[in-house]
Amino acid sequence: MKIEVLGTGCAKCVALEKVVKEAVAKSGKFAQIEKVDDIMKIMEYQVVSTPGLVIDGKVVSTGKLLSVDEVVALING
């Protein structure tokens, strides 16, 4: 599983990355977590509001800071 956190470094983007790491640990699953801060790569996902969350190439959230439990639900999806 590959999880990407899309964001240019805003507070919510940094916080979402921490939430994702906690959620992966809580879920017990193995996942590669990547922080994407290149605006061109973010635009490739057609995300206009950060932070964005991408799981296995699919955008699952944009523009909001999710809770650990919300991210766990998306991981287990």
Protein backbone atom coordinates (compact mmCIF):
# COMPACT_ATOMS: atom_id res chain seq x y z
CA MET A 1 0.00 0.00 0.00
CA LYS A 2 1.30 3.44 -0.90
CA ILE A 3 -0.03 6.51 0.90
CA GLU A 4 0.83 10.01 -0.27
CA VAL A 5 0.26 13.18 1.71
CA LEU A 6 -0.03 16.12 -0.69
CA GLY A 7 0.89 19.55 0.61
CA THR A 8 3.41 22.33 0.36
CA GLY A 9 4.25 22.54 4.07
CA CYS A 10 1.28 24.27 5.68
CA ALA A 11 0.42 23.39 9.28
CA LYS A 12 -2.48 21.13 8.25
CA CYS A 13 -0.25 19.29 5.77
CA VAL A 14 2.40 18.61 8.42
CA ALA A 15 -0.29 17.53 10.89
CA LEU A 16 -1.90 15.16 8.36
CA GLU A 17 1.44 13.45 7.76
CA LYS A 18 1.70 12.76 11.52
CA VAL A 19 -1.91 11.52 11.61
CA VAL A 20 -1.23 9.16 8.69
CA LYS A 21 1.83 7.69 10.43
CA GLU A 22 -0.23 7.11 13.59
CA ALA A 23 -3.09 5.59 11.59
CA VAL A 24 -0.79 3.16 9.76
CA ALA A 25 0.71 2.04 13.08
CA LYS A 26 -2.77 1.66 14.59
CA SER A 27 -4.06 -0.32 11.59
CA GLY A 28 -1.19 -2.80 11.76
CA LYS A 29 -0.79 -2.71 7.99
CA PHE A 30 2.40 -2.13 6.06
CA ALA A 31 2.34 1.06 4.01
CA GLN A 32 4.84 3.24 2.22
CA ILE A 33 4.19 6.85 3.26
CA GLU A 34 5.41 9.63 1.01
CA LYS A 35 5.13 13.40 1.54
CA VAL A 36 4.59 15.13 -1.81
CA ASP A 37 5.39 18.85 -1.72
CA ASP A 38 6.10 19.41 -5.41
CA ILE A 39 3.23 21.61 -6.63
CA MET A 40 3.39 20.08 -10.14
CA LYS A 41 2.95 16.56 -8.75
CA ILE A 42 0.08 17.77 -6.57
CA MET A 43 -1.55 19.32 -9.66
CA GLU A 44 -1.26 15.96 -11.48
CA TYR A 45 -3.79 14.63 -8.95
CA GLN A 46 -6.02 17.66 -9.71
CA VAL A 47 -5.95 18.61 -6.02
CA VAL A 48 -6.53 22.33 -5.58
CA SER A 49 -7.01 22.38 -1.81
CA THR A 50 -4.37 20.90 0.47
CA PRO A 51 -3.74 18.80 2.37
CA GLY A 52 -4.58 15.94 0.08
CA LEU A 53 -4.49 12.24 0.87
CA VAL A 54 -3.87 9.64 -1.83
CA ILE A 55 -4.06 5.90 -1.19
CA ASP A 56 -2.77 3.60 -3.93
CA GLY A 57 -3.07 6.34 -6.55
CA LYS A 58 -6.64 7.36 -5.62
CA VAL A 59 -7.39 10.76 -4.04
CA VAL A 60 -9.48 10.03 -0.94
CA SER A 61 -9.46 13.43 0.80
CA THR A 62 -8.65 17.06 0.03
CA GLY A 63 -8.65 20.28 2.00
CA LYS A 64 -9.13 18.94 5.51
CA LEU A 65 -7.24 17.48 8.41
CA LEU A 66 -8.57 14.00 9.07
CA SER A 67 -8.52 12.24 12.45
CA VAL A 68 -6.48 9.10 13.07
CA ASP A 69 -9.68 7.01 13.09
CA GLU A 70 -10.84 8.51 9.77
CA VAL A 71 -7.52 7.61 8.15
CA VAL A 72 -7.61 4.09 9.64
CA ALA A 73 -11.07 3.65 8.08
CA LEU A 74 -9.73 4.75 4.70
CA ILE A 75 -6.73 2.41 4.99
CA ASN A 76 -8.96 -0.53 5.88
CA GLY A 77 -11.49 0.66 3.30
